[in-house]
Structures are given as structure tokens and as C-alpha cells.
């Protein structure tokens, strides 16, 4: 079973999503990561990423209409089967090969933690 899901809300991100996925591919615990891409534009096509990154566990959720990033994240939550989930935008990258492992090391039972820069 996978440890964590990385949810990626994606809207017209075909030109950026490969950099995002490449940053997940180099993670030290990449075999413990499930990836859910919630496309938020019916005309977007992300099927090519499964061929480009065959060693990643990628699920692509289709949509009927653009609903915004909040509902795209909710669709990821609904589809996730792991105990933990984290988010990354389709045009962002994990900066360090141990970024997700650092998250794993910091998990404490019965604690919910929200991190970000504001």
C-alpha cells in the first residue's frame, strides 16, 4: 500500500506538469507515492504523462466542466486511498529529493498539520 497521495489540480497545465512529475520521480520514497491529477478543463489531455513517467503511480480524473481548484482538490480527496495526502500545483515542483520523506518523518499520530508560506 502507498503511504501518501500527491494531489495535483491541473488546468491548462500540459506545458508545466512534466516538471512537476519529474520532481516527484526523483523523490527518495517515490514507490510509496500515489499521484492523482484532477484535470479541471475537459479539453486538457494528460494521458501522455503515464507513458513519460511509467514508474509513477498516476491516476487522472476527468471532468465535465471547469469547476476551479477547490473542487479539483476535493475530487483528489474523494479518490485518494492513502491515509495521507499532500498537494502541489501543476506548475510547481518539490525542490528537494527528500521533500516528501521529510513530511513522512514529521508525522505524529493524531496530529493534523498544515504548512505553507503566506
N, C-alpha and C. Protein backbone atom coordinates (compact mmCIF):
# COMPACT_ATOMS: atom_id res chain seq x y z
N UNK A 1 0.83 -1.19 0.00
CA UNK A 1 0.00 0.00 0.00
C UNK A 1 0.88 1.25 0.00
N UNK A 2 0.42 2.27 -0.69
CA UNK A 2 1.15 3.53 -0.76
C UNK A 2 1.00 4.30 0.55
N UNK A 3 1.99 5.11 0.85
CA UNK A 3 2.00 5.91 2.08
C UNK A 3 1.21 7.20 1.91
N UNK A 4 1.40 7.89 0.78
CA UNK A 4 0.85 9.23 0.62
C UNK A 4 0.39 9.45 -0.81
N UNK A 5 -0.65 10.26 -0.94
CA UNK A 5 -1.13 10.69 -2.25
C UNK A 5 -0.67 12.13 -2.47
N UNK A 6 -0.18 12.41 -3.66
CA UNK A 6 0.10 13.78 -4.06
C UNK A 6 -1.03 14.18 -5.00
N UNK A 7 -1.85 15.12 -4.56
CA UNK A 7 -2.95 15.62 -5.38
C UNK A 7 -2.49 16.81 -6.20
N UNK A 8 -2.82 16.77 -7.49
CA UNK A 8 -2.41 17.84 -8.40
C UNK A 8 -3.64 18.36 -9.15
N UNK A 9 -4.20 19.51 -8.74
CA UNK A 9 -5.24 20.11 -9.55
C UNK A 9 -4.59 20.72 -10.80
N UNK A 10 -5.14 20.43 -11.97
CA UNK A 10 -4.48 20.85 -13.20
C UNK A 10 -5.46 21.53 -14.14
N UNK A 11 -5.13 22.73 -14.56
CA UNK A 11 -5.93 23.49 -15.51
C UNK A 11 -5.00 24.05 -16.58
N UNK A 12 -5.15 23.56 -17.79
CA UNK A 12 -4.31 24.00 -18.92
C UNK A 12 -2.83 23.95 -18.54
N UNK A 13 -2.39 22.82 -18.01
CA UNK A 13 -1.03 22.70 -17.48
C UNK A 13 -0.16 21.72 -18.26
N UNK A 14 -0.56 21.38 -19.48
CA UNK A 14 0.22 20.41 -20.24
C UNK A 14 1.68 20.84 -20.40
N UNK A 15 1.95 22.14 -20.46
CA UNK A 15 3.31 22.63 -20.63
C UNK A 15 4.14 22.64 -19.36
N UNK A 16 3.51 22.44 -18.19
CA UNK A 16 4.21 22.53 -16.92
C UNK A 16 4.24 21.23 -16.13
N UNK A 17 3.28 20.37 -16.36
CA UNK A 17 3.08 19.24 -15.46
C UNK A 17 4.25 18.25 -15.49
N UNK A 18 4.99 18.19 -16.57
CA UNK A 18 6.13 17.26 -16.62
C UNK A 18 7.22 17.65 -15.63
N UNK A 19 7.45 18.94 -15.45
CA UNK A 19 8.43 19.39 -14.45
C UNK A 19 7.96 18.99 -13.05
N UNK A 20 6.67 19.15 -12.81
CA UNK A 20 6.10 18.76 -11.51
C UNK A 20 6.29 17.27 -11.27
N UNK A 21 5.93 16.45 -12.25
CA UNK A 21 6.05 15.00 -12.11
C UNK A 21 7.51 14.55 -12.02
N UNK A 22 8.40 15.24 -12.72
CA UNK A 22 9.83 14.91 -12.63
C UNK A 22 10.34 15.14 -11.21
N UNK A 23 9.80 16.16 -10.54
CA UNK A 23 10.22 16.42 -9.15
C UNK A 23 9.68 15.35 -8.21
N UNK A 24 8.60 14.69 -8.58
CA UNK A 24 8.09 13.57 -7.79
C UNK A 24 8.88 12.31 -8.11
N UNK A 25 9.25 12.16 -9.37
CA UNK A 25 10.00 10.97 -9.80
C UNK A 25 11.34 10.85 -9.08
N UNK A 26 11.94 11.96 -8.69
CA UNK A 26 13.24 11.90 -8.01
C UNK A 26 13.12 11.81 -6.49
N UNK A 27 11.90 11.73 -5.97
CA UNK A 27 11.73 11.64 -4.53
C UNK A 27 12.31 10.33 -4.00
N UNK A 28 12.91 10.40 -2.84
CA UNK A 28 13.56 9.23 -2.25
C UNK A 28 12.58 8.11 -1.94
N UNK A 29 11.30 8.43 -1.75
CA UNK A 29 10.29 7.39 -1.45
C UNK A 29 9.23 7.34 -2.56
N UNK A 30 9.65 7.53 -3.82
CA UNK A 30 8.69 7.61 -4.92
C UNK A 30 7.81 6.37 -5.03
N UNK A 31 8.28 5.21 -4.59
CA UNK A 31 7.49 3.99 -4.67
C UNK A 31 6.37 3.97 -3.63
N UNK A 32 6.38 4.90 -2.69
CA UNK A 32 5.35 5.00 -1.67
C UNK A 32 4.34 6.10 -1.98
N UNK A 33 4.42 6.66 -3.19
CA UNK A 33 3.60 7.81 -3.55
C UNK A 33 2.60 7.44 -4.64
N UNK A 34 1.34 7.79 -4.39
CA UNK A 34 0.29 7.72 -5.42
C UNK A 34 0.02 9.15 -5.88
N UNK A 35 -0.17 9.33 -7.16
CA UNK A 35 -0.38 10.66 -7.72
C UNK A 35 -1.77 10.70 -8.34
N UNK A 36 -2.53 11.73 -8.00
CA UNK A 36 -3.83 11.94 -8.62
C UNK A 36 -3.84 13.31 -9.27
N UNK A 37 -4.01 13.32 -10.57
CA UNK A 37 -4.13 14.57 -11.32
C UNK A 37 -5.62 14.79 -11.57
N UNK A 38 -6.16 15.86 -11.02
CA UNK A 38 -7.56 16.21 -11.25
C UNK A 38 -7.60 17.30 -12.31
N UNK A 39 -7.82 16.87 -13.54
CA UNK A 39 -7.87 17.88 -14.60
C UNK A 39 -9.14 18.69 -14.45
N UNK A 40 -9.00 19.98 -14.63
CA UNK A 40 -10.11 20.90 -14.40
C UNK A 40 -10.51 21.62 -15.69
N UNK A 41 -10.20 21.00 -16.81
CA UNK A 41 -10.58 21.53 -18.11
C UNK A 41 -10.87 20.33 -19.00
N UNK A 42 -12.09 20.16 -19.45
CA UNK A 42 -12.43 18.97 -20.24
C UNK A 42 -11.56 18.75 -21.47
N UNK A 43 -11.03 19.83 -22.04
CA UNK A 43 -10.23 19.67 -23.26
C UNK A 43 -8.75 19.38 -22.98
N UNK A 44 -8.31 19.46 -21.72
CA UNK A 44 -6.93 19.11 -21.39
C UNK A 44 -6.71 17.61 -21.58
N UNK A 45 -5.49 17.25 -21.96
CA UNK A 45 -5.14 15.84 -22.11
C UNK A 45 -3.82 15.58 -21.40
N UNK A 46 -3.87 14.76 -20.37
CA UNK A 46 -2.67 14.44 -19.60
C UNK A 46 -2.30 12.96 -19.71
N UNK A 47 -2.93 12.23 -20.59
CA UNK A 47 -2.64 10.80 -20.73
C UNK A 47 -1.17 10.55 -21.10
N UNK A 48 -0.54 11.49 -21.79
CA UNK A 48 0.85 11.33 -22.20
C UNK A 48 1.80 11.17 -21.01
N UNK A 49 1.41 11.68 -19.85
CA UNK A 49 2.32 11.61 -18.70
C UNK A 49 2.49 10.18 -18.20
N UNK A 50 1.48 9.34 -18.40
CA UNK A 50 1.61 7.95 -17.98
C UNK A 50 2.69 7.23 -18.78
N UNK A 51 2.83 7.58 -20.05
CA UNK A 51 3.88 6.98 -20.88
C UNK A 51 5.24 7.60 -20.57
N UNK A 52 5.24 8.89 -20.28
CA UNK A 52 6.52 9.57 -20.00
C UNK A 52 7.07 9.21 -18.64
N UNK A 53 6.19 8.88 -17.68
CA UNK A 53 6.60 8.53 -16.32
C UNK A 53 6.00 7.16 -15.95
N UNK A 54 6.43 6.10 -16.61
CA UNK A 54 5.81 4.78 -16.39
C UNK A 54 6.04 4.20 -15.00
N UNK A 55 7.06 4.69 -14.30
CA UNK A 55 7.35 4.15 -12.97
C UNK A 55 6.60 4.88 -11.85
N UNK A 56 5.78 5.87 -12.21
CA UNK A 56 4.97 6.56 -11.22
C UNK A 56 3.55 6.03 -11.25
N UNK A 57 2.91 5.98 -10.09
CA UNK A 57 1.53 5.53 -9.94
C UNK A 57 0.63 6.75 -10.14
N UNK A 58 0.16 6.96 -11.39
CA UNK A 58 -0.60 8.16 -11.75
C UNK A 58 -2.04 7.79 -12.10
N UNK A 59 -2.97 8.49 -11.46
CA UNK A 59 -4.39 8.40 -11.80
C UNK A 59 -4.81 9.76 -12.31
N UNK A 60 -5.56 9.77 -13.40
CA UNK A 60 -6.04 11.03 -13.97
C UNK A 60 -7.56 11.05 -13.86
N UNK A 61 -8.08 12.07 -13.20
CA UNK A 61 -9.51 12.24 -13.05
C UNK A 61 -10.02 13.21 -14.10
N UNK A 62 -10.99 12.78 -14.88
CA UNK A 62 -11.59 13.65 -15.88
C UNK A 62 -12.65 14.53 -15.26
N UNK A 63 -13.02 15.58 -15.97
CA UNK A 63 -14.09 16.46 -15.51
C UNK A 63 -15.01 16.77 -16.68
N UNK A 64 -16.22 17.18 -16.36
CA UNK A 64 -17.18 17.55 -17.39
C UNK A 64 -17.13 19.04 -17.68
N UNK A 65 -16.69 19.82 -16.67
CA UNK A 65 -16.60 21.26 -16.83
C UNK A 65 -15.57 21.82 -15.85
N UNK A 66 -15.13 23.04 -16.13
CA UNK A 66 -14.20 23.71 -15.23
C UNK A 66 -14.93 24.08 -13.95
N UNK A 67 -14.39 23.64 -12.80
CA UNK A 67 -15.03 23.91 -11.51
C UNK A 67 -14.13 24.68 -10.56
N UNK A 68 -12.87 24.88 -10.91
CA UNK A 68 -11.94 25.61 -10.05
C UNK A 68 -11.07 24.67 -9.23
N UNK A 69 -9.98 25.19 -8.67
CA UNK A 69 -9.01 24.34 -7.96
C UNK A 69 -9.56 23.72 -6.67
N UNK A 70 -10.49 24.39 -6.02
CA UNK A 70 -11.05 23.84 -4.78
C UNK A 70 -11.78 22.53 -5.01
N UNK A 71 -12.64 22.49 -6.02
CA UNK A 71 -13.36 21.25 -6.32
C UNK A 71 -12.43 20.21 -6.93
N UNK A 72 -11.40 20.64 -7.66
CA UNK A 72 -10.42 19.68 -8.17
C UNK A 72 -9.69 19.00 -7.01
N UNK A 73 -9.35 19.76 -5.99
CA UNK A 73 -8.72 19.18 -4.79
C UNK A 73 -9.69 18.23 -4.09
N UNK A 74 -10.96 18.61 -4.02
CA UNK A 74 -11.94 17.73 -3.40
C UNK A 74 -12.06 16.42 -4.16
N UNK A 75 -12.00 16.47 -5.47
CA UNK A 75 -12.05 15.24 -6.27
C UNK A 75 -10.85 14.35 -5.98
N UNK A 76 -9.68 14.97 -5.77
CA UNK A 76 -8.49 14.20 -5.36
C UNK A 76 -8.73 13.53 -4.01
N UNK A 77 -9.25 14.30 -3.06
CA UNK A 77 -9.53 13.75 -1.73
C UNK A 77 -10.48 12.55 -1.82
N UNK A 78 -11.53 12.70 -2.61
CA UNK A 78 -12.52 11.63 -2.75
C UNK A 78 -11.92 10.38 -3.37
N UNK A 79 -10.95 10.54 -4.24
CA UNK A 79 -10.35 9.40 -4.95
C UNK A 79 -9.16 8.79 -4.21
N UNK A 80 -8.59 9.50 -3.26
CA UNK A 80 -7.39 9.03 -2.56
C UNK A 80 -7.71 7.79 -1.72
N UNK A 81 -6.76 6.87 -1.70
CA UNK A 81 -6.90 5.65 -0.89
C UNK A 81 -5.83 5.55 0.18
N UNK A 82 -4.96 6.54 0.26
CA UNK A 82 -3.91 6.54 1.27
C UNK A 82 -4.38 7.28 2.52
N UNK A 83 -3.66 7.06 3.61
CA UNK A 83 -4.00 7.74 4.85
C UNK A 83 -3.64 9.22 4.81
N UNK A 84 -2.61 9.54 4.04
CA UNK A 84 -2.09 10.91 3.99
C UNK A 84 -2.21 11.46 2.58
N UNK A 85 -2.35 12.79 2.49
CA UNK A 85 -2.39 13.46 1.20
C UNK A 85 -1.66 14.79 1.31
N UNK A 86 -0.98 15.16 0.26
CA UNK A 86 -0.36 16.48 0.17
C UNK A 86 -0.69 17.02 -1.21
N UNK A 87 -0.45 18.29 -1.39
CA UNK A 87 -0.83 18.96 -2.63
C UNK A 87 0.36 19.62 -3.29
N UNK A 88 0.28 19.70 -4.59
CA UNK A 88 1.23 20.52 -5.35
C UNK A 88 0.48 21.01 -6.58
N UNK A 89 0.69 22.25 -6.94
CA UNK A 89 0.09 22.77 -8.16
C UNK A 89 0.86 22.22 -9.36
N UNK A 90 0.18 22.11 -10.47
CA UNK A 90 0.77 21.51 -11.66
C UNK A 90 1.98 22.28 -12.19
N UNK A 91 2.10 23.55 -11.84
CA UNK A 91 3.24 24.34 -12.31
C UNK A 91 4.29 24.56 -11.22
N UNK A 92 4.24 23.76 -10.15
CA UNK A 92 5.23 23.83 -9.07
C UNK A 92 6.06 22.55 -9.05
N UNK A 93 7.13 22.56 -8.27
CA UNK A 93 7.99 21.38 -8.12
C UNK A 93 8.36 21.21 -6.65
N UNK A 94 8.63 19.95 -6.27
CA UNK A 94 9.24 19.68 -4.98
C UNK A 94 10.72 19.97 -5.16
N UNK A 95 11.26 20.85 -4.35
CA UNK A 95 12.60 21.38 -4.56
C UNK A 95 13.71 20.42 -4.16
N UNK A 96 13.42 19.48 -3.27
CA UNK A 96 14.45 18.60 -2.73
C UNK A 96 14.03 17.14 -2.93
N UNK A 97 14.96 16.24 -3.24
CA UNK A 97 14.61 14.83 -3.44
C UNK A 97 14.05 14.13 -2.21
N UNK A 98 14.17 14.77 -1.05
CA UNK A 98 13.62 14.17 0.17
C UNK A 98 12.43 14.97 0.72
N UNK A 99 11.86 15.84 -0.08
CA UNK A 99 10.76 16.70 0.40
C UNK A 99 9.63 15.88 1.01
N UNK A 100 9.19 14.84 0.32
CA UNK A 100 8.07 14.05 0.83
C UNK A 100 8.52 13.15 1.98
N UNK A 101 9.74 12.66 1.93
CA UNK A 101 10.26 11.88 3.05
C UNK A 101 10.35 12.74 4.32
N UNK A 102 10.73 14.01 4.17
CA UNK A 102 10.75 14.92 5.32
C UNK A 102 9.35 15.06 5.91
N UNK A 103 8.33 15.15 5.04
CA UNK A 103 6.96 15.18 5.53
C UNK A 103 6.64 13.92 6.33
N UNK A 104 7.05 12.78 5.78
CA UNK A 104 6.78 11.50 6.44
C UNK A 104 7.45 11.44 7.81
N UNK A 105 8.69 11.91 7.89
CA UNK A 105 9.42 11.88 9.16
C UNK A 105 8.78 12.78 10.21
N UNK A 106 8.07 13.82 9.78
CA UNK A 106 7.48 14.76 10.71
C UNK A 106 6.08 14.41 11.17
N UNK A 107 5.52 13.33 10.64
CA UNK A 107 4.16 12.96 11.01
C UNK A 107 4.11 12.42 12.43
N UNK A 108 3.16 12.93 13.18
CA UNK A 108 2.92 12.46 14.54
C UNK A 108 1.51 11.92 14.62
N UNK A 109 1.29 10.83 15.34
CA UNK A 109 -0.06 10.27 15.44
C UNK A 109 -1.05 11.29 16.02
N UNK A 110 -2.25 11.28 15.47
CA UNK A 110 -3.35 12.12 15.95
C UNK A 110 -3.07 13.62 15.87
N UNK A 111 -2.22 14.04 14.93
CA UNK A 111 -1.92 15.45 14.75
C UNK A 111 -2.19 15.80 13.29
N UNK A 112 -2.88 16.90 13.08
CA UNK A 112 -3.07 17.42 11.73
C UNK A 112 -2.22 18.67 11.62
N UNK A 113 -1.42 18.73 10.57
CA UNK A 113 -0.53 19.87 10.40
C UNK A 113 -0.73 20.47 9.03
N UNK A 114 -0.85 21.76 8.97
CA UNK A 114 -0.97 22.47 7.70
C UNK A 114 0.25 23.38 7.59
N UNK A 115 0.94 23.28 6.46
CA UNK A 115 2.13 24.10 6.27
C UNK A 115 1.98 24.89 4.98
N UNK A 116 2.64 26.01 4.92
CA UNK A 116 2.64 26.80 3.71
C UNK A 116 3.32 28.12 3.97
N UNK A 117 3.57 28.84 2.90
CA UNK A 117 4.11 30.18 3.03
C UNK A 117 3.03 31.15 2.62
N UNK A 118 2.88 32.19 3.40
CA UNK A 118 1.81 33.15 3.15
C UNK A 118 2.37 34.54 3.09
